[in-house]
Structures are given as C-alpha cells and as structure tokens.
Amino acid sequence: TSLSLSLSPSTTLTFHTLALSLSLSLPTSSMAENEDDVVLPRFFKVFLSETASESMAIPMSFNEHLEDPLPQKAKLQGTGGGVWTVTFTTIRDCAYFTSGWSKFAEDHELKDGEFLTFVYDGHHTFEVSVFGHGRCKETRAVVETVDLSDSGEEEEEEEDSSVEDDGEVEKVSQSIYPVDSNQTVSDDAGENVNS
C-alpha cells in the first residue's frame, strides 16, 4: 500500500508500508545558481535489509527520468571512489537494481534504517551517498590508490600481487556530485570523525 502526495510538479512524496522514497529534481551544490544549469534528478531510499539486500526498487515516480526502454546496466558510484555495475530489471512497471546490488550493499556495509540518496547523471550512472544512523553523510567502500610514479619496479610487483581484482569495482576520477573535503563523517557510534 502506498500514499503519494504531490508537493509541486517536480516533487512527489511517496509513503510505502515498508520504505520511504522521494523523487526530486534539484541542482547540485557544485552548480552555480543560474537558470541555464542542468538539474540532476535524484531520489532517496531508507535501506531495509528485509526488502533491499538482493535488489533495490527505484521509486515509480522516478521512471520519467529513465530511458525507455530501460537500459540493461547502470553504474553506482560510491563516495569512496568505487563504481559498481548493476543490472536494471522491470517488474510490474517498477524498475529495480538487481544483479550487482547485493555486492554494493555488502561493500558499503548497509544497515537497516540508513538513508541512501541517488543522483542520476542521465547517462546510466547514479552517485550514491550513505547517511548513517548519526545522520551524517559517510564515506564507505573507499578505493585506495597507490602512486607508482616514484616506486621501483620491485615495489610495483609487490603492490600488484597484493591487490585483488574481482572486476566489479573500478576507480573513478571525478564525482558527479562532489564531496566537500571538509565534510563530517560519523563512526559507528555516531561520533563525528574528520575525513
């Protein structure tokens, strides 16, 4: 059962019995306040392992921002620098992230009640931010980079042999929704930690 409230032509608030979702179209914080700026569509979900461990439903009100027909794959870009490939599946007119979603959820150690925001770039990539129980944006599943420009060939071989590459996570160079370098991150106890 769900109840939808239309707040404005581009904002719909939908209450579901097991989850909350909201689809918005707002400019990102990195954009100047100019009428010519592109507005990136976004939505949020409250993570519930009971319904979202294996797949994540995209709010039906967000369908207008997706291509028709729905692409087979999408990329989820985490704030830690990694990208996960997921499969799109449609069930009864509702789009879902399926294959690959459980790996994303596991790598980000998602817990019941955590708040996720999804910003869509219009080209098959969603930037996903996780807000933990401390109500602060958290950086998780950090991709570590190694500068090989100053190291010798022997060191490179050691580092290469210690890196596991399962092919599902790749490093990204730029965020579609920049993370402020002065952001506040909270630990599991809800205490603020400098990032």
C-alpha atoms as a PDB file:
ATOM      1  CA  THR A   1       0.000   0.000   0.000  1.00  0.00           C
ATOM      2  CA  SER A   2       1.304   3.475  -0.750  1.00  0.00           C
ATOM      3  CA  LEU A   3       0.210   7.083  -0.440  1.00  0.00           C
ATOM      4  CA  SER A   4       1.538   9.699  -2.850  1.00  0.00           C
ATOM      5  CA  LEU A   5       1.489  13.423  -2.177  1.00  0.00           C
ATOM      6  CA  SER A   6       2.296  15.845  -4.963  1.00  0.00           C
ATOM      7  CA  LEU A   7       4.142  18.824  -3.463  1.00  0.00           C
ATOM      8  CA  SER A   8       4.914  20.539  -6.768  1.00  0.00           C
ATOM      9  CA  PRO A   9       5.046  19.486 -10.429  1.00  0.00           C
ATOM     10  CA  SER A  10       8.560  18.037  -9.989  1.00  0.00           C
ATOM     11  CA  THR A  11       8.307  16.722  -6.412  1.00  0.00           C
ATOM     12  CA  THR A  12       6.295  13.727  -5.323  1.00  0.00           C
ATOM     13  CA  LEU A  13       6.421  12.268  -1.821  1.00  0.00           C
ATOM     14  CA  THR A  14       5.519   8.599  -1.685  1.00  0.00           C
ATOM     15  CA  PHE A  15       4.982   6.660   1.544  1.00  0.00           C
ATOM     16  CA  HIS A  16       5.230   2.889   1.346  1.00  0.00           C
ATOM     17  CA  THR A  17       4.389   0.473   4.121  1.00  0.00           C
ATOM     18  CA  LEU A  18       7.985  -0.804   4.355  1.00  0.00           C
ATOM     19  CA  ALA A  19      10.049   2.030   2.882  1.00  0.00           C
ATOM     20  CA  LEU A  20      10.088   5.746   2.224  1.00  0.00           C
ATOM     21  CA  SER A  21      11.143   7.239  -1.074  1.00  0.00           C
ATOM     22  CA  LEU A  22      11.220  10.705  -2.578  1.00  0.00           C
ATOM     23  CA  SER A  23      11.977  11.743  -6.113  1.00  0.00           C
ATOM     24  CA  LEU A  24      13.358  15.265  -6.529  1.00  0.00           C
ATOM     25  CA  SER A  25      14.939  17.362  -9.230  1.00  0.00           C
ATOM     26  CA  LEU A  26      17.313  19.848  -7.629  1.00  0.00           C
ATOM     27  CA  PRO A  27      20.565  21.492  -8.724  1.00  0.00           C
ATOM     28  CA  THR A  28      23.695  20.032  -7.145  1.00  0.00           C
ATOM     29  CA  SER A  29      25.669  22.047  -4.615  1.00  0.00           C
ATOM     30  CA  SER A  30      28.541  22.411  -7.079  1.00  0.00           C
ATOM     31  CA  MET A  31      26.379  24.257  -9.592  1.00  0.00           C
ATOM     32  CA  ALA A  32      26.018  27.995  -9.694  1.00  0.00           C
ATOM     33  CA  GLU A  33      22.532  29.319  -9.165  1.00  0.00           C
ATOM     34  CA  ASN A  34      21.796  30.047 -12.800  1.00  0.00           C
ATOM     35  CA  GLU A  35      18.686  29.197 -14.818  1.00  0.00           C
ATOM     36  CA  ASP A  36      20.872  27.572 -17.511  1.00  0.00           C
ATOM     37  CA  ASP A  37      22.242  24.992 -15.053  1.00  0.00           C
ATOM     38  CA  VAL A  38      21.358  21.371 -15.575  1.00  0.00           C
ATOM     39  CA  VAL A  39      19.200  19.889 -12.847  1.00  0.00           C
ATOM     40  CA  LEU A  40      20.136  16.338 -11.911  1.00  0.00           C
ATOM     41  CA  PRO A  41      17.246  14.129 -10.832  1.00  0.00           C
ATOM     42  CA  ARG A  42      17.576  12.285  -7.534  1.00  0.00           C
ATOM     43  CA  PHE A  43      15.703  10.083  -5.129  1.00  0.00           C
ATOM     44  CA  PHE A  44      16.259   8.639  -1.683  1.00  0.00           C
ATOM     45  CA  LYS A  45      15.582   5.291  -0.072  1.00  0.00           C
ATOM     46  CA  VAL A  46      15.665   4.081   3.510  1.00  0.00           C
ATOM     47  CA  PHE A  47      17.614   0.804   3.482  1.00  0.00           C
ATOM     48  CA  LEU A  48      15.780  -2.196   4.929  1.00  0.00           C
ATOM     49  CA  SER A  49      17.658  -5.484   4.633  1.00  0.00           C
ATOM     50  CA  GLU A  50      14.384  -7.412   4.558  1.00  0.00           C
ATOM     51  CA  THR A  51      13.385  -5.816   1.249  1.00  0.00           C
ATOM     52  CA  ALA A  52      16.626  -4.436  -0.241  1.00  0.00           C
ATOM     53  CA  SER A  53      19.509  -6.856   0.384  1.00  0.00           C
ATOM     54  CA  GLU A  54      19.292  -8.537  -3.026  1.00  0.00           C
ATOM     55  CA  SER A  55      17.614  -5.775  -5.069  1.00  0.00           C
ATOM     56  CA  MET A  56      16.627  -2.123  -4.660  1.00  0.00           C
ATOM     57  CA  ALA A  57      13.360  -0.758  -6.067  1.00  0.00           C
ATOM     58  CA  ILE A  58      13.565   2.618  -7.768  1.00  0.00           C
ATOM     59  CA  PRO A  59      10.553   4.829  -6.966  1.00  0.00           C
ATOM     60  CA  MET A  60       7.969   4.626  -9.759  1.00  0.00           C
ATOM     61  CA  SER A  61       7.785   8.423  -9.773  1.00  0.00           C
ATOM     62  CA  PHE A  62      11.445   8.396 -10.900  1.00  0.00           C
ATOM     63  CA  ASN A  63      10.654   6.423 -14.095  1.00  0.00           C
ATOM     64  CA  GLU A  64      10.179   9.656 -16.062  1.00  0.00           C
ATOM     65  CA  HIS A  65      13.931  10.313 -15.672  1.00  0.00           C
ATOM     66  CA  LEU A  66      14.960   6.897 -17.017  1.00  0.00           C
ATOM     67  CA  GLU A  67      15.332   5.954 -20.657  1.00  0.00           C
ATOM     68  CA  ASP A  68      12.612   3.991 -22.404  1.00  0.00           C
ATOM     69  CA  PRO A  69      13.383   1.194 -22.958  1.00  0.00           C
ATOM     70  CA  LEU A  70      15.272   0.813 -19.705  1.00  0.00           C
ATOM     71  CA  PRO A  71      18.999   0.181 -20.224  1.00  0.00           C
ATOM     72  CA  GLN A  72      20.255  -3.258 -19.185  1.00  0.00           C
ATOM     73  CA  LYS A  73      23.018  -1.947 -16.906  1.00  0.00           C
ATOM     74  CA  ALA A  74      23.737   1.048 -14.699  1.00  0.00           C
ATOM     75  CA  LYS A  75      26.696   2.156 -12.616  1.00  0.00           C
ATOM     76  CA  LEU A  76      26.525   3.061  -8.942  1.00  0.00           C
ATOM     77  CA  GLN A  77      29.276   5.460  -7.909  1.00  0.00           C
ATOM     78  CA  GLY A  78      30.032   5.426  -4.189  1.00  0.00           C
ATOM     79  CA  THR A  79      31.524   8.351  -2.279  1.00  0.00           C
ATOM     80  CA  GLY A  80      34.572   6.160  -1.517  1.00  0.00           C
ATOM     81  CA  GLY A  81      35.669   6.294  -5.165  1.00  0.00           C
ATOM     82  CA  GLY A  82      34.438   2.940  -6.474  1.00  0.00           C
ATOM     83  CA  VAL A  83      31.918   2.102  -9.170  1.00  0.00           C
ATOM     84  CA  TRP A  84      29.650  -0.971  -9.101  1.00  0.00           C
ATOM     85  CA  THR A  85      27.825  -2.259 -12.179  1.00  0.00           C
ATOM     86  CA  VAL A  86      24.232  -3.317 -11.545  1.00  0.00           C
ATOM     87  CA  THR A  87      21.537  -4.745 -13.779  1.00  0.00           C
ATOM     88  CA  PHE A  88      18.221  -2.973 -14.309  1.00  0.00           C
ATOM     89  CA  THR A  89      15.138  -5.188 -14.116  1.00  0.00           C
ATOM     90  CA  THR A  90      11.494  -4.138 -14.534  1.00  0.00           C
ATOM     91  CA  ILE A  91       8.771  -5.937 -12.588  1.00  0.00           C
ATOM     92  CA  ARG A  92       5.176  -4.667 -12.936  1.00  0.00           C
ATOM     93  CA  ASP A  93       6.311  -1.248 -14.231  1.00  0.00           C
ATOM     94  CA  CYS A  94       8.744  -0.810 -11.313  1.00  0.00           C
ATOM     95  CA  ALA A  95      12.489  -0.613 -12.065  1.00  0.00           C
ATOM     96  CA  TYR A  96      14.946  -2.388  -9.759  1.00  0.00           C
ATOM     97  CA  PHE A  97      18.708  -2.539  -9.324  1.00  0.00           C
ATOM     98  CA  THR A  98      19.291  -6.309  -9.279  1.00  0.00           C
ATOM     99  CA  SER A  99      22.461  -8.226 -10.147  1.00  0.00           C
ATOM    100  CA  GLY A 100      25.358  -6.339  -8.543  1.00  0.00           C
ATOM    101  CA  TRP A 101      23.191  -4.532  -5.962  1.00  0.00           C
ATOM    102  CA  SER A 102      23.905  -7.068  -3.195  1.00  0.00           C
ATOM    103  CA  LYS A 103      27.679  -6.556  -3.733  1.00  0.00           C
ATOM    104  CA  PHE A 104      27.209  -2.780  -3.458  1.00  0.00           C
ATOM    105  CA  ALA A 105      25.158  -3.198  -0.243  1.00  0.00           C
ATOM    106  CA  GLU A 106      27.714  -5.616   1.222  1.00  0.00           C
ATOM    107  CA  ASP A 107      30.732  -3.443   0.329  1.00  0.00           C
ATOM    108  CA  HIS A 108      29.054  -0.397   1.902  1.00  0.00           C
ATOM    109  CA  GLU A 109      28.007  -2.412   4.978  1.00  0.00           C
ATOM    110  CA  LEU A 110      24.466  -1.037   4.705  1.00  0.00           C
ATOM    111  CA  LYS A 111      22.380  -1.368   7.854  1.00  0.00           C
ATOM    112  CA  ASP A 112      18.637  -1.164   8.452  1.00  0.00           C
ATOM    113  CA  GLY A 113      17.371   2.405   8.662  1.00  0.00           C
ATOM    114  CA  GLU A 114      20.277   4.028   6.837  1.00  0.00           C
ATOM    115  CA  PHE A 115      19.349   6.731   4.350  1.00  0.00           C
ATOM    116  CA  LEU A 116      20.627   6.498   0.752  1.00  0.00           C
ATOM    117  CA  THR A 117      20.496   9.253  -1.860  1.00  0.00           C
ATOM    118  CA  PHE A 118      20.797   8.510  -5.582  1.00  0.00           C
ATOM    119  CA  VAL A 119      21.756  11.315  -8.016  1.00  0.00           C
ATOM    120  CA  TYR A 120      21.277  10.339 -11.672  1.00  0.00           C
ATOM    121  CA  ASP A 121      23.529  11.870 -14.326  1.00  0.00           C
ATOM    122  CA  GLY A 122      21.194  10.868 -17.178  1.00  0.00           C
ATOM    123  CA  HIS A 123      23.829   8.538 -18.653  1.00  0.00           C
ATOM    124  CA  HIS A 124      23.415   5.275 -16.716  1.00  0.00           C
ATOM    125  CA  THR A 125      25.337   6.458 -13.593  1.00  0.00           C
ATOM    126  CA  PHE A 126      23.898   7.079 -10.144  1.00  0.00           C
ATOM    127  CA  GLU A 127      26.016   8.664  -7.430  1.00  0.00           C
ATOM    128  CA  VAL A 128      25.016   7.054  -4.157  1.00  0.00           C
ATOM    129  CA  SER A 129      25.553   8.679  -0.761  1.00  0.00           C
ATOM    130  CA  VAL A 130      25.002   6.877   2.532  1.00  0.00           C
ATOM    131  CA  PHE A 131      23.755   8.698   5.615  1.00  0.00           C
ATOM    132  CA  GLY A 132      24.261   6.529   8.687  1.00  0.00           C
ATOM    133  CA  HIS A 133      22.388   6.434  11.957  1.00  0.00           C
ATOM    134  CA  GLY A 134      24.361   9.515  13.088  1.00  0.00           C
ATOM    135  CA  ARG A 135      22.523  11.434  10.284  1.00  0.00           C
ATOM    136  CA  CYS A 136      25.790  12.410   8.601  1.00  0.00           C
ATOM    137  CA  LYS A 137      26.988  11.565   5.120  1.00  0.00           C
ATOM    138  CA  GLU A 138      29.523   8.751   5.365  1.00  0.00           C
ATOM    139  CA  THR A 139      32.336   7.724   3.063  1.00  0.00           C
ATOM    140  CA  ARG A 140      32.388   3.938   2.734  1.00  0.00           C
ATOM    141  CA  ALA A 141      33.987   1.305   0.498  1.00  0.00           C
ATOM    142  CA  VAL A 142      37.000   3.554  -0.046  1.00  0.00           C
ATOM    143  CA  VAL A 143      39.128   2.714  -3.062  1.00  0.00           C
ATOM    144  CA  GLU A 144      42.767   3.082  -2.114  1.00  0.00           C
ATOM    145  CA  THR A 145      45.104   4.442  -4.767  1.00  0.00           C
ATOM    146  CA  VAL A 146      48.817   3.753  -4.926  1.00  0.00           C
ATOM    147  CA  ASP A 147      51.189   6.250  -6.540  1.00  0.00           C
ATOM    148  CA  LEU A 148      53.561   4.152  -8.629  1.00  0.00           C
ATOM    149  CA  SER A 149      55.433   7.069 -10.208  1.00  0.00           C
ATOM    150  CA  ASP A 150      58.197   7.154  -7.534  1.00  0.00           C
ATOM    151  CA  SER A 151      58.419   3.464  -6.681  1.00  0.00           C
ATOM    152  CA  GLY A 152      60.818   0.962  -8.192  1.00  0.00           C
ATOM    153  CA  GLU A 153      59.829  -1.957 -10.388  1.00  0.00           C
ATOM    154  CA  GLU A 154      60.248  -4.403  -7.473  1.00  0.00           C
ATOM    155  CA  GLU A 155      57.816  -2.428  -5.289  1.00  0.00           C
ATOM    156  CA  GLU A 156      55.280  -2.290  -8.124  1.00  0.00           C
ATOM    157  CA  GLU A 157      55.276  -6.077  -8.423  1.00  0.00           C
ATOM    158  CA  GLU A 158      54.729  -6.455  -4.653  1.00  0.00           C
ATOM    159  CA  GLU A 159      51.838  -3.993  -4.661  1.00  0.00           C
ATOM    160  CA  ASP A 160      50.278  -5.543  -7.765  1.00  0.00           C
ATOM    161  CA  SER A 161      50.334  -9.028  -6.249  1.00  0.00           C
ATOM    162  CA  SER A 162      48.565  -7.828  -3.096  1.00  0.00           C
ATOM    163  CA  VAL A 163      45.676  -6.183  -4.947  1.00  0.00           C
ATOM    164  CA  GLU A 164      42.651  -8.379  -5.563  1.00  0.00           C
ATOM    165  CA  ASP A 165      40.714  -7.509  -8.704  1.00  0.00           C
ATOM    166  CA  ASP A 166      37.298  -9.120  -8.913  1.00  0.00           C
ATOM    167  CA  GLY A 167      36.318  -6.919 -11.850  1.00  0.00           C
ATOM    168  CA  GLU A 168      33.267  -5.462 -10.121  1.00  0.00           C
ATOM    169  CA  VAL A 169      34.745  -2.282  -8.629  1.00  0.00           C
ATOM    170  CA  GLU A 170      36.648   0.297 -10.609  1.00  0.00           C
ATOM    171  CA  LYS A 171      38.321   3.575  -9.628  1.00  0.00           C
ATOM    172  CA  VAL A 172      36.657   6.788 -10.759  1.00  0.00           C
ATOM    173  CA  SER A 173      38.350  10.096 -11.287  1.00  0.00           C
ATOM    174  CA  GLN A 174      35.594  12.610 -10.729  1.00  0.00           C
ATOM    175  CA  SER A 175      32.314  12.762  -8.864  1.00  0.00           C
ATOM    176  CA  ILE A 176      29.090  13.946 -10.460  1.00  0.00           C
ATOM    177  CA  TYR A 177      28.122  15.269  -7.034  1.00  0.00           C
ATOM    178  CA  PRO A 178      31.339  16.482  -5.374  1.00  0.00           C
ATOM    179  CA  VAL A 179      32.074  15.603  -1.769  1.00  0.00           C
ATOM    180  CA  ASP A 180      33.223  18.557   0.285  1.00  0.00           C
ATOM    181  CA  SER A 181      36.723  17.831   1.582  1.00  0.00           C
ATOM    182  CA  ASN A 182      35.655  19.329   4.916  1.00  0.00           C
ATOM    183  CA  GLN A 183      32.659  17.005   5.254  1.00  0.00           C
ATOM    184  CA  THR A 184      31.812  15.484   8.593  1.00  0.00           C
ATOM    185  CA  VAL A 185      31.863  11.725   8.815  1.00  0.00           C
ATOM    186  CA  SER A 186      30.472   9.776  11.736  1.00  0.00           C
ATOM    187  CA  ASP A 187      31.685   6.445  13.027  1.00  0.00           C
ATOM    188  CA  ASP A 188      29.502   3.504  14.059  1.00  0.00           C
ATOM    189  CA  ALA A 189      28.904   5.086  17.480  1.00  0.00           C
ATOM    190  CA  GLY A 190      27.579   8.272  15.859  1.00  0.00           C
ATOM    191  CA  GLU A 191      30.655  10.310  16.856  1.00  0.00           C
ATOM    192  CA  ASN A 192      31.939  12.833  14.312  1.00  0.00           C
ATOM    193  CA  VAL A 193      35.298  11.987  12.755  1.00  0.00           C
ATOM    194  CA  ASN A 194      37.311  14.206  10.397  1.00  0.00           C
ATOM    195  CA  SER A 195      37.671  12.671   6.967  1.00  0.00           C
END
